[in-house]
Protein backbone atom coordinates (compact mmCIF):
# COMPACT_ATOMS: atom_id res chain seq x y z
CA UNK A 1 7.40 -11.73 38.33
CA UNK A 2 6.63 -12.53 34.69
CA UNK A 3 7.26 -10.44 31.58
CA UNK A 4 5.73 -11.33 28.21
CA UNK A 5 7.62 -9.76 25.32
CA UNK A 6 7.02 -9.52 21.56
CA UNK A 7 9.81 -9.36 18.96
CA UNK A 8 10.24 -6.83 16.17
CA UNK A 9 10.91 -6.89 12.46
CA UNK A 10 13.69 -9.19 11.34
CA UNK A 11 12.67 -12.05 13.62
CA UNK A 12 10.34 -13.59 11.00
CA UNK A 13 11.33 -16.72 9.07
CA UNK A 14 9.51 -18.56 6.25
CA UNK A 15 6.67 -20.76 7.49
CA UNK A 16 6.92 -19.73 11.13
CA UNK A 17 3.15 -19.22 11.46
CA UNK A 18 2.22 -22.66 10.08
CA UNK A 19 2.09 -24.56 13.40
CA UNK A 20 -0.48 -22.15 14.79
CA UNK A 21 -3.05 -22.50 12.01
CA UNK A 22 -5.33 -25.08 13.57
CA UNK A 23 -8.88 -24.96 14.90
CA UNK A 24 -10.31 -21.60 16.00
CA UNK A 25 -7.01 -19.84 15.26
CA UNK A 26 -7.78 -20.09 11.55
CA UNK A 27 -10.94 -18.00 11.95
CA UNK A 28 -9.10 -15.55 14.17
CA UNK A 29 -6.38 -15.14 11.57
CA UNK A 30 -8.99 -14.54 8.88
CA UNK A 31 -10.22 -11.57 10.89
CA UNK A 32 -6.68 -10.34 11.38
CA UNK A 33 -6.06 -10.63 7.64
CA UNK A 34 -9.09 -8.50 6.86
CA UNK A 35 -7.93 -5.83 9.31
CA UNK A 36 -4.38 -5.90 7.95
CA UNK A 37 -5.45 -5.99 4.32
CA UNK A 38 -3.19 -8.93 3.43
CA UNK A 39 -3.45 -12.74 3.43
CA UNK A 40 -1.55 -13.47 6.62
CA UNK A 41 -2.06 -17.23 6.34
CA UNK A 42 -0.33 -17.29 2.96
CA UNK A 43 2.56 -15.07 3.99
CA UNK A 44 3.03 -16.88 7.29
CA UNK A 45 3.12 -20.36 5.77
CA UNK A 46 4.14 -20.26 2.09
CA UNK A 47 6.02 -17.06 1.28
CA UNK A 48 9.81 -17.03 1.03
CA UNK A 49 12.26 -15.02 3.12
CA UNK A 50 12.61 -12.17 0.64
CA UNK A 51 8.84 -11.74 0.38
CA UNK A 52 8.27 -11.53 4.13
CA UNK A 53 11.18 -9.12 4.45
CA UNK A 54 8.87 -6.52 2.90
CA UNK A 55 7.92 -4.09 5.66
CA UNK A 56 4.27 -4.00 4.60
CA UNK A 57 4.08 -7.78 5.09
CA UNK A 58 6.49 -8.41 7.96
CA UNK A 59 4.96 -6.00 10.46
CA UNK A 60 1.33 -7.20 10.39
CA UNK A 61 2.56 -10.79 10.23
CA UNK A 62 4.60 -10.41 13.42
CA UNK A 63 1.78 -8.74 15.32
CA UNK A 64 -0.73 -11.38 14.21
CA UNK A 65 1.57 -14.24 15.19
CA UNK A 66 2.20 -12.84 18.64
CA UNK A 67 -1.48 -12.28 19.34
CA UNK A 68 -2.48 -15.73 18.09
CA UNK A 69 0.05 -17.37 20.38
CA UNK A 70 -0.81 -15.17 23.36
CA UNK A 71 -4.51 -15.94 23.02
CA UNK A 72 -3.73 -19.65 22.77
CA UNK A 73 -1.57 -19.35 25.90
CA UNK A 74 -4.03 -17.49 28.12
CA UNK A 75 -7.40 -18.18 26.50
CA UNK A 76 -8.25 -14.48 26.72
CA UNK A 77 -9.12 -12.85 23.38
CA UNK A 78 -9.70 -9.40 24.92
CA UNK A 79 -6.50 -9.20 26.99
CA UNK A 80 -4.24 -11.91 25.54
CA UNK A 81 -1.38 -11.07 27.95
CA UNK A 82 -3.67 -11.63 30.95
CA UNK A 83 -1.67 -13.12 33.84
CA UNK A 84 1.60 -11.37 33.01
CA UNK A 85 3.03 -8.78 35.39
CA UNK A 86 4.84 -6.80 32.70
CA UNK A 87 4.48 -6.48 28.93
CA UNK A 88 6.82 -5.01 26.35
CA UNK A 89 7.45 -5.22 22.63
CA UNK A 90 10.48 -4.37 20.55
CA UNK A 91 9.70 -1.85 17.79
CA UNK A 92 6.62 -3.18 15.93
CA UNK A 93 6.29 -5.64 18.81
CA UNK A 94 4.90 -2.68 20.77
CA UNK A 95 1.69 -3.08 18.74
CA UNK A 96 1.49 -6.72 19.84
CA UNK A 97 1.96 -5.61 23.43
CA UNK A 98 -0.62 -2.82 23.08
CA UNK A 99 -3.28 -5.30 21.96
CA UNK A 100 -2.02 -7.88 24.43
CA UNK A 101 -2.78 -5.67 27.43
CA UNK A 102 -6.01 -4.15 26.09
CA UNK A 103 -4.81 -0.69 25.04
CA UNK A 104 -6.08 -1.50 21.53
CA UNK A 105 -8.31 -4.31 20.33
CA UNK A 106 -6.44 -6.90 18.27
CA UNK A 107 -8.30 -5.80 15.13
CA UNK A 108 -7.51 -2.13 15.73
CA UNK A 109 -3.86 -3.03 16.34
CA UNK A 110 -3.71 -4.93 13.03
CA UNK A 111 -5.39 -2.10 11.13
CA UNK A 112 -3.06 0.46 12.73
CA UNK A 113 0.09 -1.54 12.11
CA UNK A 114 -0.96 -1.84 8.48
CA UNK A 115 -0.79 1.95 8.22
CA UNK A 116 2.56 1.98 10.00
CA UNK A 117 3.96 -0.66 7.70
CA UNK A 118 2.70 0.99 4.52
CA UNK A 119 3.96 4.37 5.65
CA UNK A 120 7.39 3.04 6.54
CA UNK A 121 7.57 1.09 3.27
CA UNK A 122 6.77 4.26 1.36
CA UNK A 123 9.41 6.16 3.32
CA UNK A 124 11.96 3.42 2.66
CA UNK A 125 11.32 3.68 -1.09
CA UNK A 126 12.26 7.35 -1.20
CA UNK A 127 15.97 6.66 -0.75
CA UNK A 128 18.05 3.51 -0.16
CA UNK A 129 18.44 3.20 3.60
CA UNK A 130 19.29 0.30 5.86
CA UNK A 131 20.47 -0.85 9.28
CA UNK A 132 23.38 -2.80 10.75
CA UNK A 133 24.13 -4.23 14.18
CA UNK A 134 27.35 -3.06 15.78
CA UNK A 135 28.50 -5.87 18.04
CA UNK A 136 30.85 -5.35 20.97
CA UNK A 137 33.04 -2.26 21.25
CA UNK A 138 32.72 0.61 23.72
CA UNK A 139 29.11 1.88 23.65
CA UNK A 140 30.01 5.57 23.73
CA UNK A 141 32.61 5.13 21.00
CA UNK A 142 30.15 3.14 18.87
CA UNK A 143 27.46 5.83 19.14
CA UNK A 144 30.02 8.54 18.38
CA UNK A 145 31.20 6.69 15.27
CA UNK A 146 27.63 6.22 14.04
CA UNK A 147 26.76 9.86 14.58
CA UNK A 148 29.99 11.05 12.95
CA UNK A 149 28.76 9.48 9.72
CA UNK A 150 25.41 11.26 9.99
CA UNK A 151 23.64 8.01 10.83
CA UNK A 152 21.53 7.21 13.91
CA UNK A 153 21.94 4.77 16.79
CA UNK A 154 18.41 3.48 16.22
CA UNK A 155 18.29 0.50 18.60
CA UNK A 156 20.09 0.26 21.93
CA UNK A 157 19.77 -3.46 22.61
CA UNK A 158 21.91 -3.76 25.70
CA UNK A 159 25.48 -4.84 26.28
CA UNK A 160 27.37 -5.43 23.07
CA UNK A 161 24.70 -4.48 20.52
CA UNK A 162 23.76 -1.10 19.10
CA UNK A 163 21.97 -0.92 15.77
CA UNK A 164 22.98 1.81 13.34
CA UNK A 165 20.53 3.15 10.76
CA UNK A 166 21.07 5.50 7.88
CA UNK A 167 21.64 5.74 4.16
CA UNK A 168 23.10 2.75 2.37
CA UNK A 169 26.31 4.74 1.89
CA UNK A 170 26.60 5.59 5.59
CA UNK A 171 26.11 2.00 6.71
CA UNK A 172 28.58 0.74 4.07
CA UNK A 173 31.15 3.20 5.41
CA UNK A 174 30.51 2.01 8.96
CA UNK A 175 31.01 -1.61 7.89
CA UNK A 176 34.23 -0.70 6.09
CA UNK A 177 35.55 1.17 9.14
CA UNK A 178 34.02 -0.37 12.27
CA UNK A 179 34.61 1.25 15.66
CA UNK A 180 37.55 -0.21 17.59
CA UNK A 181 36.87 -3.68 18.94
CA UNK A 182 33.52 -4.02 17.17
CA UNK A 183 32.03 -5.95 14.27
CA UNK A 184 29.35 -4.54 11.95
CA UNK A 185 26.69 -6.97 10.70
CA UNK A 186 24.15 -5.78 8.07
CA UNK A 187 20.52 -6.52 8.93
CA UNK A 188 17.81 -7.86 6.63
CA UNK A 189 15.51 -4.85 6.83
CA UNK A 190 14.08 -2.60 4.16
CA UNK A 191 14.94 0.80 5.59
CA UNK A 192 16.43 3.00 8.32
CA UNK A 193 13.71 2.46 10.91
CA UNK A 194 13.44 4.68 13.98
CA UNK A 195 15.18 7.60 12.29
CA UNK A 196 14.14 10.85 10.61
CA UNK A 197 14.07 8.92 7.31
CA UNK A 198 10.75 7.45 8.52
CA UNK A 199 8.95 10.80 8.93
CA UNK A 200 6.42 10.08 6.12
CA UNK A 201 5.50 6.89 7.94
CA UNK A 202 5.04 8.75 11.23
CA UNK A 203 2.68 11.22 9.56
CA UNK A 204 0.58 8.43 8.06
CA UNK A 205 0.44 6.54 11.35
CA UNK A 206 -0.54 9.69 13.26
CA UNK A 207 -3.53 10.23 10.98
CA UNK A 208 -4.73 6.65 11.52
CA UNK A 209 -4.12 6.74 15.28
CA UNK A 210 -6.23 9.89 15.59
CA UNK A 211 -9.30 7.85 14.63
CA UNK A 212 -8.88 5.36 17.51
CA UNK A 213 -9.69 5.41 21.22
CA UNK A 214 -7.17 3.69 23.49
CA UNK A 215 -7.94 2.03 26.83
CA UNK A 216 -5.62 1.99 29.81
CA UNK A 217 -3.42 -1.14 30.01
CA UNK A 218 -4.52 -4.07 32.15
CA UNK A 219 -0.88 -5.09 32.64
CA UNK A 220 2.17 -2.93 33.40
CA UNK A 221 3.29 -1.80 29.95
CA UNK A 222 6.82 -0.59 29.19
CA UNK A 223 7.63 1.93 26.46
CA UNK A 224 10.51 1.62 23.99
CA UNK A 225 11.14 5.35 24.27
CA UNK A 226 12.64 5.24 27.73
CA UNK A 227 11.66 1.99 29.47
CA UNK A 228 9.03 3.64 31.64
CA UNK A 229 5.71 2.03 32.53
CA UNK A 230 2.84 3.84 30.81
CA UNK A 231 -0.41 3.91 32.76
CA UNK A 232 -2.63 5.64 30.23
CA UNK A 233 -3.63 4.18 26.88
CA UNK A 234 -3.77 7.55 25.12
CA UNK A 235 -0.16 8.25 26.05
CA UNK A 236 0.95 4.83 24.85
CA UNK A 237 -0.85 5.33 21.54
CA UNK A 238 0.92 8.67 21.13
CA UNK A 239 4.23 6.95 21.82
CA UNK A 240 3.49 4.30 19.19
CA UNK A 241 3.34 7.13 16.68
CA UNK A 242 6.45 9.01 17.80
CA UNK A 243 8.50 5.80 18.06
CA UNK A 244 8.52 5.47 14.27
CA UNK A 245 11.19 8.18 14.11
CA UNK A 246 12.75 7.69 17.57
CA UNK A 247 15.38 5.19 18.77
CA UNK A 248 14.31 1.98 20.49
CA UNK A 249 15.75 1.84 24.01
CA UNK A 250 15.36 -1.86 24.69
CA UNK A 251 18.28 -1.55 27.11
CA UNK A 252 16.12 0.69 29.29
CA UNK A 253 13.18 -1.72 29.02
CA UNK A 254 15.40 -4.50 30.35
CA UNK A 255 16.69 -2.23 33.11
CA UNK A 256 13.08 -1.57 34.11
CA UNK A 257 12.37 -5.31 34.16
CA UNK A 258 15.34 -5.81 36.46
CA UNK A 259 14.21 -2.98 38.74
CA UNK A 260 10.69 -4.41 38.90
CA UNK A 261 12.02 -7.83 39.92
CA UNK A 262 11.28 -9.89 36.81
CA UNK A 263 12.22 -13.54 37.32
CA UNK A 264 10.95 -14.97 34.02
CA UNK A 265 10.60 -13.69 30.44
CA UNK A 266 8.38 -15.45 27.89
CA UNK A 267 8.91 -14.38 24.29
CA UNK A 268 6.11 -14.81 21.78
CA UNK A 269 6.72 -16.19 18.27
CA UNK A 270 8.91 -15.90 16.37
CA UNK A 271 10.80 -16.18 19.64
CA UNK A 272 14.53 -16.16 20.34
CA UNK A 273 15.77 -12.67 19.56
CA UNK A 274 14.72 -10.92 22.76
CA UNK A 275 15.50 -13.86 25.04
CA UNK A 276 18.92 -14.00 23.40
CA UNK A 277 19.49 -10.36 24.34
CA UNK A 278 18.13 -10.99 27.84
CA UNK A 279 20.50 -13.91 28.34
CA UNK A 280 23.43 -11.48 27.98
CA UNK A 281 21.89 -8.65 29.97
CA UNK A 282 19.69 -10.20 32.66
CA UNK A 283 21.67 -13.07 34.19
CA UNK A 284 19.62 -15.29 36.44
CA UNK A 285 16.30 -14.51 34.75
CA UNK A 286 14.56 -17.61 33.40
CA UNK A 287 13.71 -17.53 29.69
CA UNK A 288 11.07 -19.27 27.55
CA UNK A 289 10.82 -19.19 23.74
CA UNK A 290 7.25 -19.95 22.66
CA UNK A 291 7.36 -20.94 18.98
CA UNK A 292 4.91 -23.83 18.50
CA UNK A 293 1.58 -24.92 20.04
CA UNK A 294 3.10 -28.13 21.40
CA UNK A 295 4.97 -25.93 23.88
CA UNK A 296 1.82 -24.42 25.36
CA UNK A 297 1.56 -26.71 28.40
CA UNK A 298 5.18 -26.00 29.31
CA UNK A 299 4.62 -22.30 28.67
CA UNK A 300 1.63 -22.27 31.02
CA UNK A 301 3.73 -23.97 33.68
CA UNK A 302 6.39 -21.28 33.16
CA UNK A 303 3.73 -18.57 33.55
CA UNK A 304 2.40 -20.19 36.73
CA UNK A 305 5.92 -20.41 38.18
CA UNK A 306 6.86 -16.78 37.55
CA UNK A 307 3.68 -14.70 37.51
CA UNK A 308 2.82 -12.98 40.77
CA UNK A 309 -0.23 -14.12 42.68
CA UNK A 310 -2.06 -10.85 41.96
CA UNK A 311 -1.56 -11.12 38.19
CA UNK A 312 -2.78 -14.72 38.15
CA UNK A 313 -5.93 -13.68 40.02
CA UNK A 314 -6.61 -10.65 37.79
């Protein structure tokens, strides 16, 4: 049982897209760039870390990278995750997953994530907000401490990691007084994502989403809201909108993977974040980080080993 997963904002590093810009992928990326309204090739190969930290750049860049790699892996431009049993994305990675399973076309996903990114960037500019990972500590005590400050537990990433989001002052206070047994690590993000601070971004995304028609997923597709499998494209599109201001429950996505019998997880580039979380939370599940094209043969072997017979025949 194979899951293909796509990482969220913060996973990007300077130059990470460079290995993928060969042959037909260059033309594909040109189309993605037009849909996203930015030069993805430049930002994915030449821009520095601070530049690609910008929400309006990071989000389309991550979605484009995941789709390029998935298409190279499966050879299917319409359903790039073809052959997987389960698909999921973390935060903006949900847009990668949506296009990967055919809920949205890749170009529609890039155009839509552009609106998400611009809306969230605008929301982030209204007031200094940020996020920090709270590592270890008792989960209930960590959430209580975050909420006591007026902040939000915005990402539940499984055992030993809850991400707090709020004003710069709230997160500074949390870092100065961490919950018992925990450590607070500031994250390189531009705002308090998945909180009420992002409401202007949700409104902008909702307006753009209303112009699109979603198809039902060709692969079992998990939602960040609660880890459930969503069978209807329209519902998933609605959840993409509401997730802008709602916490990411990646812990529940992993629980669903365990319940469904996942034996292997392949993470798309820039890979490593989600497999790192899975290593702590899903012992015994095989993991594959796909970061460069020279790994594609090994990645295909991994897919063949873990994908069910029915998904390989689909």
